[in-house]
Amino acid sequence: MHALDYASEAKDIFVLPDSVLQIKRLIDDDASGMDDIANVINFDPALTVQILKIANSALYKFPSKIETVSKAIQIIGTNSVYDLVVAFSICRTFEELDSTVIDLERYWENAVCCALLCKYFAERKKLKESERIFVSGLLHNVGELVMIRFNPDIAKKCAQINENETPLDLQLKLLGGASYADIGSTLVQMWGIPEAIITPIRNQHFSQYEATDVEQQIMQLSYILALDNCNPEIYSGHANLEVELYEKLGLEDSDLDAALSHVGMQSLSVLAMFNPAAASVM
C-alpha cells in the first residue's frame, strides 16, 4: 500500500464530526457571524467544554475567565477557534486504537511537545494565528495512528528507533520510501482541512524538503527538538539537530533551552486536553 491507499482507507473509518465541516462552511460564508459558529459548537457538549478549557488554559493566560463559546470566539478569533476545533476533533477521532502496538502515551507526549514548540516559535516570530501551526505540530505524526490501525506490525517496527536510525529512516525503509508525514498530510487533506495546516505536516523533514516559509522552518525545528526531547534515553542532547534549523529563524542555543523550558511547564495541562485517553474522561 502507498500513502494514498492508507489515507483513503483511513478516511472511510476515521470520520470527523459534522461540526468541523459546518464551522468551515460558516467561516467561508460572509453572511454568517460568530453566533452562528458558537451555536454549532454549543450543540456538541464535549466540544463546548473543550473549547472553554482551552480558552481558559495556560495557552492563553487571559486575565478573566471565559465562560461562553461566543466570548471565546470574540477573544481568540474565529479562525483560531476553528483550528482548535480541528485539533480536538481529530484527536478524538483516534480514541479507539490498540494501545499495545506502540507507546501511545509517548506518542501524544511527542505530539504535544511539537505543537507547543511550534506555537512558542510562532509567537516569538510574531506570526498571526499561531494556533494554526500549533495544530500542524499536534497532527505532525498522525500517519502513525493510521498505521497502528491498518498495519500494526509495521507500526511496531517503525517505533523501534535507535541512536543510528531515526523514525524517518525506519519509515522510508519499511514503507517503501514513504513516511508517516506523507500518510498524515494526505489524510488531513482528504478531510478538507486548510492547506496552511497541511503543508507544514507534509514538509516537516528538513532532510527531504527545503522549507520555503517561516511556518515550515518552525515545524522542521520543532519536530527535531520534540523527537530528541521525548526520547532522551536514545538521543542525548540535541542529537538530531542541525545548526541551520535554528539559525535560519534567527535563534541561538539559549533560545532552544528557553523554548523547551516553556514547553515543559505547559505540557502536562495541554496533554490532558488533547490526549484522547485523557479527553474521553473529561
C-alpha atoms as a PDB file:
ATOM      1  CA  MET A   1       0.000   0.000   0.000  1.00  0.00           C
ATOM      2  CA  HIS A   2       1.102   3.540  -0.735  1.00  0.00           C
ATOM      3  CA  ALA A   3       0.497   6.636   1.397  1.00  0.00           C
ATOM      4  CA  LEU A   4      -2.572   7.479  -0.670  1.00  0.00           C
ATOM      5  CA  ASP A   5      -4.003   3.987  -0.108  1.00  0.00           C
ATOM      6  CA  TYR A   6      -3.548   4.153   3.659  1.00  0.00           C
ATOM      7  CA  ALA A   7      -5.084   7.631   3.781  1.00  0.00           C
ATOM      8  CA  SER A   8      -8.041   6.562   1.634  1.00  0.00           C
ATOM      9  CA  GLU A   9      -8.726   3.575   3.886  1.00  0.00           C
ATOM     10  CA  ALA A  10      -8.423   5.749   6.991  1.00  0.00           C
ATOM     11  CA  LYS A  11     -10.798   8.388   5.643  1.00  0.00           C
ATOM     12  CA  ASP A  12     -13.575   5.790   5.491  1.00  0.00           C
ATOM     13  CA  ILE A  13     -13.051   4.683   9.097  1.00  0.00           C
ATOM     14  CA  PHE A  14     -11.851   7.786  10.935  1.00  0.00           C
ATOM     15  CA  VAL A  15     -14.622  10.297  10.236  1.00  0.00           C
ATOM     16  CA  LEU A  16     -14.527  13.874  11.502  1.00  0.00           C
ATOM     17  CA  PRO A  17     -17.690  15.200  13.209  1.00  0.00           C
ATOM     18  CA  ASP A  18     -20.068  17.320  11.155  1.00  0.00           C
ATOM     19  CA  SER A  19     -19.246  20.319  13.345  1.00  0.00           C
ATOM     20  CA  VAL A  20     -15.830  20.710  11.661  1.00  0.00           C
ATOM     21  CA  LEU A  21     -17.372  20.942   8.199  1.00  0.00           C
ATOM     22  CA  GLN A  22     -20.207  23.153   9.394  1.00  0.00           C
ATOM     23  CA  ILE A  23     -17.864  25.654  11.015  1.00  0.00           C
ATOM     24  CA  LYS A  24     -15.659  25.729   7.895  1.00  0.00           C
ATOM     25  CA  ARG A  25     -18.708  26.493   5.739  1.00  0.00           C
ATOM     26  CA  LEU A  26     -19.791  29.254   8.106  1.00  0.00           C
ATOM     27  CA  ILE A  27     -16.321  30.821   8.093  1.00  0.00           C
ATOM     28  CA  ASP A  28     -16.376  30.854   4.303  1.00  0.00           C
ATOM     29  CA  ASP A  29     -19.872  32.398   4.264  1.00  0.00           C
ATOM     30  CA  ASP A  30     -19.713  36.196   4.593  1.00  0.00           C
ATOM     31  CA  ALA A  31     -23.328  36.219   5.752  1.00  0.00           C
ATOM     32  CA  SER A  32     -22.504  34.150   8.851  1.00  0.00           C
ATOM     33  CA  GLY A  33     -21.297  35.535  12.153  1.00  0.00           C
ATOM     34  CA  MET A  34     -19.759  34.473  15.459  1.00  0.00           C
ATOM     35  CA  ASP A  35     -23.124  33.495  16.925  1.00  0.00           C
ATOM     36  CA  ASP A  36     -23.701  31.009  14.104  1.00  0.00           C
ATOM     37  CA  ILE A  37     -20.364  29.349  14.791  1.00  0.00           C
ATOM     38  CA  ALA A  38     -20.981  29.384  18.540  1.00  0.00           C
ATOM     39  CA  ASN A  39     -24.321  27.632  18.006  1.00  0.00           C
ATOM     40  CA  VAL A  40     -22.618  24.788  16.111  1.00  0.00           C
ATOM     41  CA  ILE A  41     -20.063  24.316  18.890  1.00  0.00           C
ATOM     42  CA  ASN A  42     -22.682  24.563  21.646  1.00  0.00           C
ATOM     43  CA  PHE A  43     -24.625  21.734  20.003  1.00  0.00           C
ATOM     44  CA  ASP A  44     -21.681  19.419  20.858  1.00  0.00           C
ATOM     45  CA  PRO A  45     -21.306  19.394  24.679  1.00  0.00           C
ATOM     46  CA  ALA A  46     -17.883  17.712  24.640  1.00  0.00           C
ATOM     47  CA  LEU A  47     -16.575  20.206  22.104  1.00  0.00           C
ATOM     48  CA  THR A  48     -18.048  23.122  24.063  1.00  0.00           C
ATOM     49  CA  VAL A  49     -16.340  22.018  27.266  1.00  0.00           C
ATOM     50  CA  GLN A  50     -13.059  21.512  25.442  1.00  0.00           C
ATOM     51  CA  ILE A  51     -13.048  24.913  23.744  1.00  0.00           C
ATOM     52  CA  LEU A  52     -13.714  26.606  27.085  1.00  0.00           C
ATOM     53  CA  LYS A  53     -10.982  24.552  28.763  1.00  0.00           C
ATOM     54  CA  ILE A  54      -8.509  25.542  26.064  1.00  0.00           C
ATOM     55  CA  ALA A  55      -9.544  29.212  26.152  1.00  0.00           C
ATOM     56  CA  ASN A  56      -9.010  29.277  29.917  1.00  0.00           C
ATOM     57  CA  SER A  57      -5.770  27.307  29.841  1.00  0.00           C
ATOM     58  CA  ALA A  58      -2.137  28.342  30.062  1.00  0.00           C
ATOM     59  CA  LEU A  59      -2.114  28.538  26.263  1.00  0.00           C
ATOM     60  CA  TYR A  60      -3.732  31.967  26.514  1.00  0.00           C
ATOM     61  CA  LYS A  61      -3.470  33.221  30.113  1.00  0.00           C
ATOM     62  CA  PHE A  62      -6.438  35.583  29.843  1.00  0.00           C
ATOM     63  CA  PRO A  63      -6.866  37.711  32.997  1.00  0.00           C
ATOM     64  CA  SER A  64     -10.560  36.838  33.420  1.00  0.00           C
ATOM     65  CA  LYS A  65     -12.449  33.594  32.976  1.00  0.00           C
ATOM     66  CA  ILE A  66     -14.087  32.942  29.616  1.00  0.00           C
ATOM     67  CA  GLU A  67     -17.463  31.340  30.289  1.00  0.00           C
ATOM     68  CA  THR A  68     -19.131  31.167  26.866  1.00  0.00           C
ATOM     69  CA  VAL A  69     -18.127  29.943  23.433  1.00  0.00           C
ATOM     70  CA  SER A  70     -19.216  33.287  21.966  1.00  0.00           C
ATOM     71  CA  LYS A  71     -16.750  35.066  24.246  1.00  0.00           C
ATOM     72  CA  ALA A  72     -14.007  32.608  23.306  1.00  0.00           C
ATOM     73  CA  ILE A  73     -14.595  33.280  19.615  1.00  0.00           C
ATOM     74  CA  GLN A  74     -14.631  37.026  20.230  1.00  0.00           C
ATOM     75  CA  ILE A  75     -11.321  36.997  22.110  1.00  0.00           C
ATOM     76  CA  ILE A  76      -9.408  34.214  20.363  1.00  0.00           C
ATOM     77  CA  GLY A  77     -10.768  34.825  16.868  1.00  0.00           C
ATOM     78  CA  THR A  78     -12.930  32.824  14.510  1.00  0.00           C
ATOM     79  CA  ASN A  79     -10.095  31.166  12.604  1.00  0.00           C
ATOM     80  CA  SER A  80      -8.213  30.275  15.769  1.00  0.00           C
ATOM     81  CA  VAL A  81     -11.293  28.675  17.312  1.00  0.00           C
ATOM     82  CA  TYR A  82     -11.791  26.683  14.125  1.00  0.00           C
ATOM     83  CA  ASP A  83      -8.174  25.492  14.282  1.00  0.00           C
ATOM     84  CA  LEU A  84      -8.696  24.337  17.875  1.00  0.00           C
ATOM     85  CA  VAL A  85     -11.933  22.571  16.891  1.00  0.00           C
ATOM     86  CA  VAL A  86      -9.983  20.749  14.181  1.00  0.00           C
ATOM     87  CA  ALA A  87      -7.266  19.742  16.653  1.00  0.00           C
ATOM     88  CA  PHE A  88      -9.620  18.402  19.304  1.00  0.00           C
ATOM     89  CA  SER A  89     -11.895  16.679  16.783  1.00  0.00           C
ATOM     90  CA  ILE A  90      -9.056  14.849  15.065  1.00  0.00           C
ATOM     91  CA  CYS A  91      -7.554  13.759  18.374  1.00  0.00           C
ATOM     92  CA  ARG A  92     -10.966  12.486  19.493  1.00  0.00           C
ATOM     93  CA  THR A  93     -11.348  10.597  16.195  1.00  0.00           C
ATOM     94  CA  PHE A  94      -8.432   8.350  17.171  1.00  0.00           C
ATOM     95  CA  GLU A  95      -9.734   7.380  20.624  1.00  0.00           C
ATOM     96  CA  GLU A  96     -10.161   3.679  19.827  1.00  0.00           C
ATOM     97  CA  LEU A  97      -6.719   2.346  18.974  1.00  0.00           C
ATOM     98  CA  ASP A  98      -4.805  -0.704  20.157  1.00  0.00           C
ATOM     99  CA  SER A  99      -2.549   0.645  22.899  1.00  0.00           C
ATOM    100  CA  THR A 100      -0.312  -2.436  22.785  1.00  0.00           C
ATOM    101  CA  VAL A 101       1.122  -1.677  19.330  1.00  0.00           C
ATOM    102  CA  ILE A 102       3.201   1.348  20.317  1.00  0.00           C
ATOM    103  CA  ASP A 103       3.591   3.522  23.399  1.00  0.00           C
ATOM    104  CA  LEU A 104       0.616   5.831  22.833  1.00  0.00           C
ATOM    105  CA  GLU A 105       1.429   7.929  25.886  1.00  0.00           C
ATOM    106  CA  ARG A 106       4.802   8.757  24.383  1.00  0.00           C
ATOM    107  CA  TYR A 107       3.147   9.393  21.025  1.00  0.00           C
ATOM    108  CA  TRP A 108       0.885  12.092  22.494  1.00  0.00           C
ATOM    109  CA  GLU A 109       3.719  13.491  24.622  1.00  0.00           C
ATOM    110  CA  ASN A 110       5.716  13.977  21.433  1.00  0.00           C
ATOM    111  CA  ALA A 111       2.735  15.446  19.554  1.00  0.00           C
ATOM    112  CA  VAL A 112       2.005  17.987  22.283  1.00  0.00           C
ATOM    113  CA  CYS A 113       5.684  18.874  22.672  1.00  0.00           C
ATOM    114  CA  CYS A 114       5.982  19.564  18.935  1.00  0.00           C
ATOM    115  CA  ALA A 115       2.736  21.579  18.956  1.00  0.00           C
ATOM    116  CA  LEU A 116       3.799  23.746  21.887  1.00  0.00           C
ATOM    117  CA  LEU A 117       7.214  24.355  20.355  1.00  0.00           C
ATOM    118  CA  CYS A 118       5.546  25.399  17.103  1.00  0.00           C
ATOM    119  CA  LYS A 119       3.296  27.840  18.939  1.00  0.00           C
ATOM    120  CA  TYR A 120       6.190  29.197  21.013  1.00  0.00           C
ATOM    121  CA  PHE A 121       8.394  29.893  17.997  1.00  0.00           C
ATOM    122  CA  ALA A 122       5.454  31.289  16.003  1.00  0.00           C
ATOM    123  CA  GLU A 123       4.750  33.791  18.769  1.00  0.00           C
ATOM    124  CA  ARG A 124       8.457  34.534  19.015  1.00  0.00           C
ATOM    125  CA  LYS A 125       8.421  35.383  15.293  1.00  0.00           C
ATOM    126  CA  LYS A 126       5.182  37.379  15.805  1.00  0.00           C
ATOM    127  CA  LEU A 127       3.202  35.269  13.368  1.00  0.00           C
ATOM    128  CA  LYS A 128      -0.553  35.765  13.277  1.00  0.00           C
ATOM    129  CA  GLU A 129      -2.839  32.902  14.282  1.00  0.00           C
ATOM    130  CA  SER A 130      -0.198  30.772  15.946  1.00  0.00           C
ATOM    131  CA  GLU A 131      -2.925  28.198  16.639  1.00  0.00           C
ATOM    132  CA  ARG A 132      -2.661  27.054  13.042  1.00  0.00           C
ATOM    133  CA  ILE A 133       0.971  25.961  13.322  1.00  0.00           C
ATOM    134  CA  PHE A 134       0.133  24.560  16.776  1.00  0.00           C
ATOM    135  CA  VAL A 135      -2.400  22.257  15.088  1.00  0.00           C
ATOM    136  CA  SER A 136       0.151  21.251  12.436  1.00  0.00           C
ATOM    137  CA  GLY A 137       2.554  20.313  15.211  1.00  0.00           C
ATOM    138  CA  LEU A 138      -0.096  18.372  17.095  1.00  0.00           C
ATOM    139  CA  LEU A 139      -1.000  16.391  13.977  1.00  0.00           C
ATOM    140  CA  HIS A 140       2.501  16.102  12.512  1.00  0.00           C
ATOM    141  CA  ASN A 141       2.695  12.339  13.107  1.00  0.00           C
ATOM    142  CA  VAL A 142      -0.961  11.359  12.713  1.00  0.00           C
ATOM    143  CA  GLY A 143       0.156   8.961   9.980  1.00  0.00           C
ATOM    144  CA  GLU A 144       1.499   6.722  12.730  1.00  0.00           C
ATOM    145  CA  LEU A 145      -2.009   6.377  14.179  1.00  0.00           C
ATOM    146  CA  VAL A 146      -3.238   5.306  10.751  1.00  0.00           C
ATOM    147  CA  MET A 147      -0.505   2.669  10.584  1.00  0.00           C
ATOM    148  CA  ILE A 148      -1.440   1.321  14.029  1.00  0.00           C
ATOM    149  CA  ARG A 149      -4.911   0.629  12.668  1.00  0.00           C
ATOM    150  CA  PHE A 150      -4.021  -0.809   9.262  1.00  0.00           C
ATOM    151  CA  ASN A 151      -0.590  -2.385   9.660  1.00  0.00           C
ATOM    152  CA  PRO A 152       0.349  -2.796  13.327  1.00  0.00           C
ATOM    153  CA  ASP A 153       3.365  -4.962  12.523  1.00  0.00           C
ATOM    154  CA  ILE A 154       4.986  -2.172  10.520  1.00  0.00           C
ATOM    155  CA  ALA A 155       3.961   0.365  13.178  1.00  0.00           C
ATOM    156  CA  LYS A 156       5.801  -1.702  15.785  1.00  0.00           C
ATOM    157  CA  LYS A 157       8.921  -1.921  13.643  1.00  0.00           C
ATOM    158  CA  CYS A 158       8.860   1.798  12.831  1.00  0.00           C
ATOM    159  CA  ALA A 159       8.711   2.548  16.552  1.00  0.00           C
ATOM    160  CA  GLN A 160      11.950   0.673  17.252  1.00  0.00           C
ATOM    161  CA  ILE A 161      14.135   3.726  16.842  1.00  0.00           C
ATOM    162  CA  ASN A 162      17.744   3.708  17.984  1.00  0.00           C
ATOM    163  CA  GLU A 163      20.736   6.019  18.061  1.00  0.00           C
ATOM    164  CA  ASN A 164      21.588   5.103  14.480  1.00  0.00           C
ATOM    165  CA  GLU A 165      18.077   5.112  12.997  1.00  0.00           C
ATOM    166  CA  THR A 166      15.570   7.934  13.287  1.00  0.00           C
ATOM    167  CA  PRO A 167      11.810   7.438  12.844  1.00  0.00           C
ATOM    168  CA  LEU A 168      12.119   8.766   9.301  1.00  0.00           C
ATOM    169  CA  ASP A 169      14.902   6.292   8.484  1.00  0.00           C
ATOM    170  CA  LEU A 170      12.737   3.373   9.570  1.00  0.00           C
ATOM    171  CA  GLN A 171       9.621   4.660   7.835  1.00  0.00           C
ATOM    172  CA  LEU A 172      11.359   5.133   4.498  1.00  0.00           C
ATOM    173  CA  LYS A 173      12.845   1.645   4.759  1.00  0.00           C
ATOM    174  CA  LEU A 174       9.673  -0.148   5.842  1.00  0.00           C
ATOM    175  CA  LEU A 175       7.115   1.845   3.853  1.00  0.00           C
ATOM    176  CA  GLY A 176       8.842   1.677   0.507  1.00  0.00           C
ATOM    177  CA  GLY A 177      10.105   5.230   0.501  1.00  0.00           C
ATOM    178  CA  ALA A 178       7.021   6.815   2.097  1.00  0.00           C
ATOM    179  CA  SER A 179       6.755   8.352   5.555  1.00  0.00           C
ATOM    180  CA  TYR A 180       4.121   8.990   8.191  1.00  0.00           C
ATOM    181  CA  ALA A 181       4.228  12.619   7.063  1.00  0.00           C
ATOM    182  CA  ASP A 182       3.060  11.509   3.609  1.00  0.00           C
ATOM    183  CA  ILE A 183       0.204   9.435   5.017  1.00  0.00           C
ATOM    184  CA  GLY A 184      -0.871  12.002   7.599  1.00  0.00           C
ATOM    185  CA  SER A 185      -0.810  15.014   5.299  1.00  0.00           C
ATOM    186  CA  THR A 186      -2.754  13.094   2.640  1.00  0.00           C
ATOM    187  CA  LEU A 187      -5.434  12.086   5.155  1.00  0.00           C
ATOM    188  CA  VAL A 188      -5.756  15.599   6.560  1.00  0.00           C
ATOM    189  CA  GLN A 189      -6.077  16.917   3.025  1.00  0.00           C
ATOM    190  CA  MET A 190      -8.843  14.411   2.299  1.00  0.00           C
ATOM    191  CA  TRP A 191     -10.679  15.710   5.355  1.00  0.00           C
ATOM    192  CA  GLY A 192     -10.759  19.156   3.766  1.00  0.00           C
ATOM    193  CA  ILE A 193      -8.527  20.806   6.374  1.00  0.00           C
ATOM    194  CA  PRO A 194      -6.920  24.093   5.199  1.00  0.00           C
ATOM    195  CA  GLU A 195      -3.684  23.811   3.220  1.00  0.00           C
ATOM    196  CA  ALA A 196      -1.937  26.098   5.715  1.00  0.00           C
ATOM    197  CA  ILE A 197      -2.181  23.273   8.259  1.00  0.00           C
ATOM    198  CA  ILE A 198      -1.339  20.516   5.793  1.00  0.00           C
ATOM    199  CA  THR A 199       1.840  21.920   4.218  1.00  0.00           C
ATOM    200  CA  PRO A 200       3.983  22.015   7.394  1.00  0.00           C
ATOM    201  CA  ILE A 201       2.940  18.424   8.117  1.00  0.00           C
ATOM    202  CA  ARG A 202       3.899  17.292   4.626  1.00  0.00           C
ATOM    203  CA  ASN A 203       7.250  19.129   4.661  1.00  0.00           C
ATOM    204  CA  GLN A 204       8.281  18.502   8.269  1.00  0.00           C
ATOM    205  CA  HIS A 205      11.532  16.639   7.461  1.00  0.00           C
ATOM    206  CA  PHE A 206      14.381  19.008   6.628  1.00  0.00           C
ATOM    207  CA  SER A 207      16.395  16.166   5.086  1.00  0.00           C
ATOM    208  CA  GLN A 208      13.684  15.768   2.434  1.00  0.00           C
ATOM    209  CA  TYR A 209      12.300  19.267   1.922  1.00  0.00           C
ATOM    210  CA  GLU A 210      13.744  22.742   1.909  1.00  0.00           C
ATOM    211  CA  ALA A 211      11.483  24.968   3.985  1.00  0.00           C
ATOM    212  CA  THR A 212      10.024  27.714   1.800  1.00  0.00           C
ATOM    213  CA  ASP A 213       8.436  29.826   4.540  1.00  0.00           C
ATOM    214  CA  VAL A 214       8.703  30.540   8.251  1.00  0.00           C
ATOM    215  CA  GLU A 215       5.936  28.108   9.206  1.00  0.00           C
ATOM    216  CA  GLN A 216       7.786  25.222   7.593  1.00  0.00           C
ATOM    217  CA  GLN A 217      11.061  26.297   9.209  1.00  0.00           C
ATOM    218  CA  ILE A 218       9.332  26.333  12.589  1.00  0.00           C
ATOM    219  CA  MET A 219       7.851  22.881  12.015  1.00  0.00           C
ATOM    220  CA  GLN A 220      11.158  21.359  10.951  1.00  0.00           C
ATOM    221  CA  LEU A 221      12.913  22.761  14.012  1.00  0.00           C
ATOM    222  CA  SER A 222      10.087  21.799  16.390  1.00  0.00           C
ATOM    223  CA  TYR A 223       9.899  18.265  15.013  1.00  0.00           C
ATOM    224  CA  ILE A 224      13.578  17.609  15.724  1.00  0.00           C
ATOM    225  CA  LEU A 225      13.538  19.244  19.157  1.00  0.00           C
ATOM    226  CA  ALA A 226      10.459  17.241  20.175  1.00  0.00           C
ATOM    227  CA  LEU A 227      11.974  14.000  18.863  1.00  0.00           C
ATOM    228  CA  ASP A 228      15.149  14.448  20.891  1.00  0.00           C
ATOM    229  CA  ASN A 229      13.365  15.838  23.941  1.00  0.00           C
ATOM    230  CA  CYS A 230      10.857  12.969  24.167  1.00  0.00           C
ATOM    231  CA  ASN A 231      13.452  10.228  23.603  1.00  0.00           C
ATOM    232  CA  PRO A 232      16.357  11.281  25.863  1.00  0.00           C
ATOM    233  CA  GLU A 233      17.376   7.667  26.525  1.00  0.00           C
ATOM    234  CA  ILE A 234      18.059   7.253  22.773  1.00  0.00           C
ATOM    235  CA  TYR A 235      19.031  10.713  21.540  1.00  0.00           C
ATOM    236  CA  SER A 236      21.149  12.539  24.091  1.00  0.00           C
ATOM    237  CA  GLY A 237      21.139  16.323  24.000  1.00  0.00           C
ATOM    238  CA  HIS A 238      20.212  17.675  20.567  1.00  0.00           C
ATOM    239  CA  ALA A 239      21.479  14.598  18.753  1.00  0.00           C
ATOM    240  CA  ASN A 240      19.476  15.128  15.562  1.00  0.00           C
ATOM    241  CA  LEU A 241      19.598  18.915  15.489  1.00  0.00           C
ATOM    242  CA  GLU A 242      21.335  20.772  12.667  1.00  0.00           C
ATOM    243  CA  VAL A 243      22.506  24.296  13.470  1.00  0.00           C
ATOM    244  CA  GLU A 244      20.937  25.689  10.312  1.00  0.00           C
ATOM    245  CA  LEU A 245      17.466  24.722  11.569  1.00  0.00           C
ATOM    246  CA  TYR A 246      17.504  27.394  14.246  1.00  0.00           C
ATOM    247  CA  GLU A 247      19.929  29.850  12.692  1.00  0.00           C
ATOM    248  CA  LYS A 248      17.531  30.345   9.746  1.00  0.00           C
ATOM    249  CA  LEU A 249      14.996  31.573  12.289  1.00  0.00           C
ATOM    250  CA  GLY A 250      17.478  33.915  13.920  1.00  0.00           C
ATOM    251  CA  LEU A 251      17.684  31.781  17.066  1.00  0.00           C
ATOM    252  CA  GLU A 252      20.540  30.720  19.315  1.00  0.00           C
ATOM    253  CA  ASP A 253      21.188  27.739  21.611  1.00  0.00           C
ATOM    254  CA  SER A 254      19.822  29.640  24.584  1.00  0.00           C
ATOM    255  CA  ASP A 255      16.557  30.233  22.725  1.00  0.00           C
ATOM    256  CA  LEU A 256      16.088  26.485  22.306  1.00  0.00           C
ATOM    257  CA  ASP A 257      16.622  25.896  26.014  1.00  0.00           C
ATOM    258  CA  ALA A 258      14.098  28.622  26.818  1.00  0.00           C
ATOM    259  CA  ALA A 259      11.591  27.069  24.423  1.00  0.00           C
ATOM    260  CA  LEU A 260      11.954  23.599  25.935  1.00  0.00           C
ATOM    261  CA  SER A 261      11.649  25.019  29.442  1.00  0.00           C
ATOM    262  CA  HIS A 262       8.458  26.839  28.439  1.00  0.00           C
ATOM    263  CA  VAL A 263       7.045  23.669  26.898  1.00  0.00           C
ATOM    264  CA  GLY A 264       7.904  21.670  29.984  1.00  0.00           C
ATOM    265  CA  MET A 265       5.768  23.942  32.131  1.00  0.00           C
ATOM    266  CA  GLN A 266       2.744  23.659  29.835  1.00  0.00           C
ATOM    267  CA  SER A 267       2.948  20.129  28.509  1.00  0.00           C
ATOM    268  CA  LEU A 268       1.031  18.273  31.223  1.00  0.00           C
ATOM    269  CA  SER A 269      -2.003  20.526  31.163  1.00  0.00           C
ATOM    270  CA  VAL A 270      -2.114  20.623  27.354  1.00  0.00           C
ATOM    271  CA  LEU A 271      -1.570  16.867  27.138  1.00  0.00           C
ATOM    272  CA  ALA A 272      -4.635  16.378  29.316  1.00  0.00           C
ATOM    273  CA  MET A 273      -6.698  18.392  26.829  1.00  0.00           C
ATOM    274  CA  PHE A 274      -5.633  16.675  23.615  1.00  0.00           C
ATOM    275  CA  ASN A 275      -4.643  13.131  24.526  1.00  0.00           C
ATOM    276  CA  PRO A 276      -7.804  11.161  23.606  1.00  0.00           C
ATOM    277  CA  ALA A 277      -7.413   8.851  26.607  1.00  0.00           C
ATOM    278  CA  ALA A 278      -7.492  11.886  28.897  1.00  0.00           C
ATOM    279  CA  ALA A 279     -10.080  13.875  26.931  1.00  0.00           C
ATOM    280  CA  SER A 280     -12.516  10.953  26.839  1.00  0.00           C
ATOM    281  CA  VAL A 281     -12.906  11.008  30.619  1.00  0.00           C
ATOM    282  CA  MET A 282     -13.266  14.769  30.990  1.00  0.00           C
END
